[in-house]
Each structure stands twice: as structure tokens, then as C-alpha cells.
Protein backbone atom coordinates (compact mmCIF):
# COMPACT_ATOMS: atom_id res chain seq x y z
CA UNK A 1 -25.92 198.32 199.01
CA UNK A 2 -29.67 198.00 199.62
CA UNK A 3 -31.51 195.28 197.73
CA UNK A 4 -34.70 195.80 195.79
CA UNK A 5 -36.27 192.71 197.39
CA UNK A 6 -35.51 193.75 200.97
CA UNK A 7 -38.02 191.75 203.03
CA UNK A 8 -37.07 193.20 206.40
CA UNK A 9 -39.83 194.60 208.57
CA UNK A 10 -39.96 198.28 209.52
CA UNK A 11 -38.74 197.35 213.01
CA UNK A 12 -35.78 195.45 211.57
CA UNK A 13 -34.86 198.46 209.42
CA UNK A 14 -35.09 200.76 212.45
CA UNK A 15 -32.78 198.43 214.38
CA UNK A 16 -30.40 198.33 211.40
CA UNK A 17 -30.13 202.11 211.61
CA UNK A 18 -29.35 201.89 215.34
CA UNK A 19 -26.71 199.23 214.61
CA UNK A 20 -25.07 201.57 212.10
CA UNK A 21 -23.74 203.68 214.98
CA UNK A 22 -21.73 200.82 216.48
CA UNK A 23 -18.58 201.87 214.59
CA UNK A 24 -18.89 205.65 214.62
CA UNK A 25 -19.90 208.60 216.74
CA UNK A 26 -21.45 210.89 214.12
CA UNK A 27 -22.63 209.71 210.71
CA UNK A 28 -24.01 211.29 207.57
CA UNK A 29 -27.26 210.15 205.98
CA UNK A 30 -25.37 208.33 203.21
CA UNK A 31 -23.12 206.54 205.71
CA UNK A 32 -26.14 205.36 207.69
CA UNK A 33 -27.96 204.23 204.56
CA UNK A 34 -24.93 202.24 203.41
CA UNK A 35 -24.36 200.55 206.78
CA UNK A 36 -28.06 199.76 207.23
CA UNK A 37 -28.36 198.63 203.57
CA UNK A 38 -31.23 201.00 202.92
CA UNK A 39 -32.12 203.40 200.09
CA UNK A 40 -31.39 207.01 201.01
CA UNK A 41 -35.07 207.91 200.98
CA UNK A 42 -35.97 205.09 203.37
CA UNK A 43 -33.05 205.87 205.67
CA UNK A 44 -34.06 209.54 205.74
CA UNK A 45 -37.68 208.71 206.60
CA UNK A 46 -36.77 206.26 209.37
CA UNK A 47 -34.14 208.60 210.78
CA UNK A 48 -36.87 211.21 211.05
CA UNK A 49 -38.83 208.83 213.26
CA UNK A 50 -35.76 208.14 215.40
CA UNK A 51 -35.10 211.88 215.78
CA UNK A 52 -38.72 212.65 216.64
CA UNK A 53 -38.64 210.00 219.39
CA UNK A 54 -35.27 211.20 220.70
CA UNK A 55 -33.26 208.05 220.09
CA UNK A 56 -31.07 209.80 217.53
CA UNK A 57 -30.20 213.49 217.26
CA UNK A 58 -29.26 215.59 214.23
CA UNK A 59 -26.55 218.23 214.58
CA UNK A 60 -26.37 221.57 212.79
CA UNK A 61 -24.07 220.20 210.08
CA UNK A 62 -26.56 217.45 209.22
CA UNK A 63 -24.77 214.58 210.93
CA UNK A 64 -26.58 212.13 213.18
CA UNK A 65 -25.58 210.65 216.54
CA UNK A 66 -27.12 208.48 219.26
CA UNK A 67 -29.59 210.45 221.37
CA UNK A 68 -30.16 210.61 225.10
CA UNK A 69 -33.17 208.28 225.12
CA UNK A 70 -31.18 205.35 223.75
CA UNK A 71 -28.40 206.10 226.22
CA UNK A 72 -30.88 206.16 229.13
CA UNK A 73 -32.25 202.79 228.06
CA UNK A 74 -28.72 201.39 227.99
CA UNK A 75 -27.79 202.58 231.48
CA UNK A 76 -30.95 200.98 232.87
CA UNK A 77 -29.58 197.56 232.00
CA UNK A 78 -28.72 195.52 235.12
CA UNK A 79 -25.00 195.46 234.27
CA UNK A 80 -24.86 199.26 233.96
CA UNK A 81 -26.80 199.78 237.18
CA UNK A 82 -24.53 197.39 239.04
CA UNK A 83 -21.44 199.14 237.72
CA UNK A 84 -22.69 202.57 238.76
CA UNK A 85 -23.69 201.36 242.22
CA UNK A 86 -20.33 199.67 242.75
CA UNK A 87 -18.44 202.75 241.56
CA UNK A 88 -20.33 205.44 243.48
CA UNK A 89 -18.45 205.33 246.83
CA UNK A 90 -15.08 205.35 245.08
CA UNK A 91 -16.07 208.23 242.83
CA UNK A 92 -17.29 210.16 245.86
CA UNK A 93 -13.97 209.57 247.64
CA UNK A 94 -12.05 210.82 244.60
CA UNK A 95 -14.24 213.89 244.35
CA UNK A 96 -13.98 214.75 248.04
CA UNK A 97 -10.20 214.41 248.00
CA UNK A 98 -9.55 216.41 244.83
CA UNK A 99 -12.51 218.71 244.14
CA UNK A 100 -11.95 218.07 240.43
CA UNK A 101 -14.08 216.36 237.79
CA UNK A 102 -14.46 212.63 238.43
CA UNK A 103 -15.87 210.32 235.77
CA UNK A 104 -16.93 206.75 235.13
CA UNK A 105 -17.11 205.73 231.48
CA UNK A 106 -17.62 202.64 229.33
CA UNK A 107 -16.68 201.90 225.74
CA UNK A 108 -19.38 201.99 223.09
CA UNK A 109 -17.97 201.34 219.64
CA UNK A 110 -15.20 203.86 219.06
CA UNK A 111 -16.37 206.22 221.79
CA UNK A 112 -16.24 206.54 225.56
CA UNK A 113 -19.70 207.11 227.06
CA UNK A 114 -19.80 208.83 230.44
CA UNK A 115 -22.09 207.10 232.95
CA UNK A 116 -21.28 209.22 235.99
CA UNK A 117 -19.77 212.63 236.65
CA UNK A 118 -19.03 214.56 239.83
CA UNK A 119 -17.74 218.12 239.59
CA UNK A 120 -16.61 220.88 241.92
CA UNK A 121 -17.37 224.58 241.56
CA UNK A 122 -13.71 225.39 240.91
CA UNK A 123 -12.99 222.47 238.60
CA UNK A 124 -11.46 223.16 235.20
CA UNK A 125 -14.08 223.79 232.45
CA UNK A 126 -14.90 220.52 230.70
CA UNK A 127 -17.15 219.45 227.83
CA UNK A 128 -17.99 216.12 229.44
CA UNK A 129 -21.36 215.34 230.99
CA UNK A 130 -23.40 212.26 231.80
CA UNK A 131 -24.31 210.70 228.48
CA UNK A 132 -21.50 212.45 226.60
CA UNK A 133 -19.70 210.33 224.03
CA UNK A 134 -16.13 211.28 223.13
CA UNK A 135 -13.50 209.62 220.90
CA UNK A 136 -11.50 206.91 222.66
CA UNK A 137 -8.13 208.28 221.59
CA UNK A 138 -8.74 211.86 222.78
CA UNK A 139 -9.22 211.50 226.55
CA UNK A 140 -7.54 209.71 229.43
CA UNK A 141 -10.60 207.60 230.19
CA UNK A 142 -11.00 206.76 226.51
CA UNK A 143 -7.37 205.75 226.17
CA UNK A 144 -7.69 203.49 229.21
CA UNK A 145 -10.61 201.76 227.52
CA UNK A 146 -8.90 201.61 224.13
CA UNK A 147 -5.69 200.12 225.53
CA UNK A 148 -7.55 197.08 226.84
CA UNK A 149 -10.11 196.75 224.03
CA UNK A 150 -9.91 193.93 221.45
CA UNK A 151 -7.16 194.66 218.87
CA UNK A 152 -9.71 195.27 216.14
CA UNK A 153 -11.02 198.33 217.96
CA UNK A 154 -7.65 200.08 217.67
CA UNK A 155 -7.52 199.26 213.97
CA UNK A 156 -11.01 200.74 213.53
CA UNK A 157 -9.91 203.92 215.33
CA UNK A 158 -7.01 204.33 212.93
CA UNK A 159 -9.15 203.51 209.91
CA UNK A 160 -11.70 206.14 210.94
CA UNK A 161 -9.02 208.84 210.80
CA UNK A 162 -8.45 210.33 214.28
CA UNK A 163 -9.06 214.08 214.42
CA UNK A 164 -6.51 216.39 216.00
CA UNK A 165 -8.56 218.63 218.29
CA UNK A 166 -5.60 220.30 220.03
CA UNK A 167 -1.79 220.03 219.84
CA UNK A 168 -1.93 217.43 222.62
CA UNK A 169 -4.24 215.06 220.71
CA UNK A 170 -2.33 211.97 219.62
CA UNK A 171 -3.51 210.88 216.19
CA UNK A 172 -0.45 209.23 214.61
CA UNK A 173 -0.71 205.44 214.53
CA UNK A 174 2.81 204.74 215.83
CA UNK A 175 2.47 207.22 218.68
CA UNK A 176 -0.94 205.83 219.64
CA UNK A 177 0.36 202.27 219.61
CA UNK A 178 3.21 203.31 221.88
CA UNK A 179 0.76 205.07 224.21
CA UNK A 180 -1.47 201.99 224.40
CA UNK A 181 1.49 199.78 225.26
CA UNK A 182 2.49 202.17 228.03
CA UNK A 183 -1.01 202.14 229.49
CA UNK A 184 -1.13 198.35 229.49
CA UNK A 185 2.24 198.31 231.24
CA UNK A 186 1.50 200.91 233.94
CA UNK A 187 -2.28 200.62 234.28
CA UNK A 188 -2.55 204.42 234.03
CA UNK A 189 -3.63 206.60 231.09
CA UNK A 190 -2.95 210.32 230.92
CA UNK A 191 -3.79 212.92 228.30
CA UNK A 192 -2.70 216.54 228.44
CA UNK A 193 -4.69 219.23 226.62
CA UNK A 194 -5.86 216.64 224.11
CA UNK A 195 -9.49 217.71 223.96
CA UNK A 196 -9.81 220.67 226.33
CA UNK A 197 -7.30 223.49 226.61
CA UNK A 198 -5.97 223.95 230.12
CA UNK A 199 -6.97 220.47 231.28
CA UNK A 200 -5.39 217.06 231.71
CA UNK A 201 -7.02 213.75 232.50
CA UNK A 202 -5.71 210.64 234.22
CA UNK A 203 -7.56 207.33 234.21
CA UNK A 204 -7.41 203.70 235.26
CA UNK A 205 -9.29 200.63 234.02
CA UNK A 206 -12.07 198.78 235.85
CA UNK A 207 -12.32 194.99 235.48
CA UNK A 208 -15.22 192.61 236.03
CA UNK A 209 -15.12 189.19 237.65
CA UNK A 210 -13.70 187.62 234.48
CA UNK A 211 -10.82 190.10 234.33
CA UNK A 212 -12.15 191.95 231.28
CA UNK A 213 -11.90 195.75 231.31
CA UNK A 214 -15.51 196.95 231.34
CA UNK A 215 -15.09 200.60 232.35
CA UNK A 216 -12.59 203.25 233.37
CA UNK A 217 -12.48 205.88 236.09
CA UNK A 218 -10.83 209.25 235.58
CA UNK A 219 -10.07 212.68 236.97
CA UNK A 220 -9.94 215.83 234.85
CA UNK A 221 -7.99 218.68 236.46
CA UNK A 222 -6.12 221.88 235.70
CA UNK A 223 -3.08 221.17 233.56
CA UNK A 224 -0.80 222.89 236.09
CA UNK A 225 -1.49 220.00 238.47
CA UNK A 226 -0.56 217.18 236.07
CA UNK A 227 2.61 216.22 237.96
CA UNK A 228 0.89 215.86 241.33
CA UNK A 229 1.07 212.14 242.22
CA UNK A 230 -2.25 211.89 244.08
CA UNK A 231 -4.28 211.89 240.87
CA UNK A 232 -2.75 208.76 239.36
CA UNK A 233 -2.73 207.09 242.76
CA UNK A 234 -6.36 208.02 243.32
CA UNK A 235 -7.70 206.61 240.06
CA UNK A 236 -5.59 203.47 240.47
CA UNK A 237 -7.06 202.82 243.93
CA UNK A 238 -10.57 203.62 242.71
CA UNK A 239 -10.21 201.36 239.67
CA UNK A 240 -9.04 198.47 241.83
CA UNK A 241 -11.77 199.07 244.40
CA UNK A 242 -14.55 199.11 241.82
CA UNK A 243 -13.06 196.02 240.18
CA UNK A 244 -13.08 194.20 243.52
CA UNK A 245 -16.70 195.23 244.06
CA UNK A 246 -17.53 193.67 240.68
CA UNK A 247 -15.88 190.40 241.75
CA UNK A 248 -12.42 190.75 240.21
CA UNK A 249 -9.68 188.90 242.04
CA UNK A 250 -6.18 189.36 240.55
């Protein structure tokens, strides 16, 4: 709860609001105020400044989420630029060989943020775009990131109450735990009509020089093609290639 003798500067309070989004994709005013330890009136005023600048956006139902300006600042960081440069030739190869959506994403809190996307004219309709942030549990690329995230991240996902978007969305704790174990065993994540009807996604992790999973690469294609082996093989090769470019040596 906010304290009456809060001595933080305006800048510190603005940063506290930004930090509030670390554990959630969309937040209400009261949730932000609680996490930032601010009175509702102060949180509302400072959120207005964030929204006006474009760092945070407000949806039609009154919830707030990270805006495109903050995302653009993040991807300008040297680590993000290096990742995108290393990944580009492998993403291009995947796209040329499949003609389907190809993505590169990183984990941010409980969401997967898409850094790159390549799409063909005949690719299955998809809601993803550069800068999109989707729940970790609901996509192939997100599951690949979640499977190799610190254990506390999985617990936070469960505590947040996963939403069932479509019949294929896995939201039960036991089923999700089993899925994560399978991904760690095979190195491949696949979701079928979990977020978009008529689509499936397959993904593989990307590791840095220390061996940590820092990103994931995925393909989204028509669900009728889910049993074709080239998709899993393609993301596996791409994931290993990008990892090698980042200095990973198994």
C-alpha cells in the first residue's frame, strides 16, 4: 500500500509504474497502483503521462499495457540488436523454405514479445506482429521460452490464472507441467489451435554463449500441415544456428 510519507521523485514513481508490468500483460488502474505503491489518483495522473507519450497504452476495457515506444527502446539495446542480426539469415531461410509465418521472440515477464516476423501472402491469418506480446502458455514460441525459464516464472503463470482462448489452449497446471517437461526433453514446442483457429505453431529455443535460453524461433502454419516433419526440423536447425552465432557451444 502507498505510504503517506512517500519521498520518491516523480521520475521514480514513473519508473515504478513501468516496473508494475513485469509480472503481467494487461493491468487495471488499481493493480498498477498497488504494485507501484501509489495512491489511485497519483497512479491515474502518471499513467496519463505515460499514455500521452506512448510508453503505455489503454485498451477499450480500461486496462493498460506496455506501449510501442517502450518496446522500441528495448529492442535498440545492444543485446537485442545482436540477437536480431544473428537470427536474420536463419529466419529468412525458414521463410523461403516454408512460405509461412516465421518469428523470433523473447520472454518479457509472463509474455512472449515478438522481435521479428516474416510472412507470406498465403500464410494462415495470425494475430502476431512485431512488438506483439502474447501469453507464454498460449503459443509455441511462448511455451519454448516458458519451458526453459526459471521455475518461478511457471508458478507465476499458474498464479495469474491462464485463460482458455480456444479448446487447444492448455491451462491446467498438471497438463502444462507435462508439456514443459516434454519440451525440455525434445527441444521442440508445438501448440495446435491454442490462440488462433486453423493454425499451429512449432518452436525451438535459442541459447546464448552461457547456455541460457534467451529467445525462441517459431513457424506458424495451417493446422492441416502440423504433421509435416520439415517444420520441427526447420526451427530446430534455425535455433541451433542462431545459438551458435551468439557463441553457444554445446
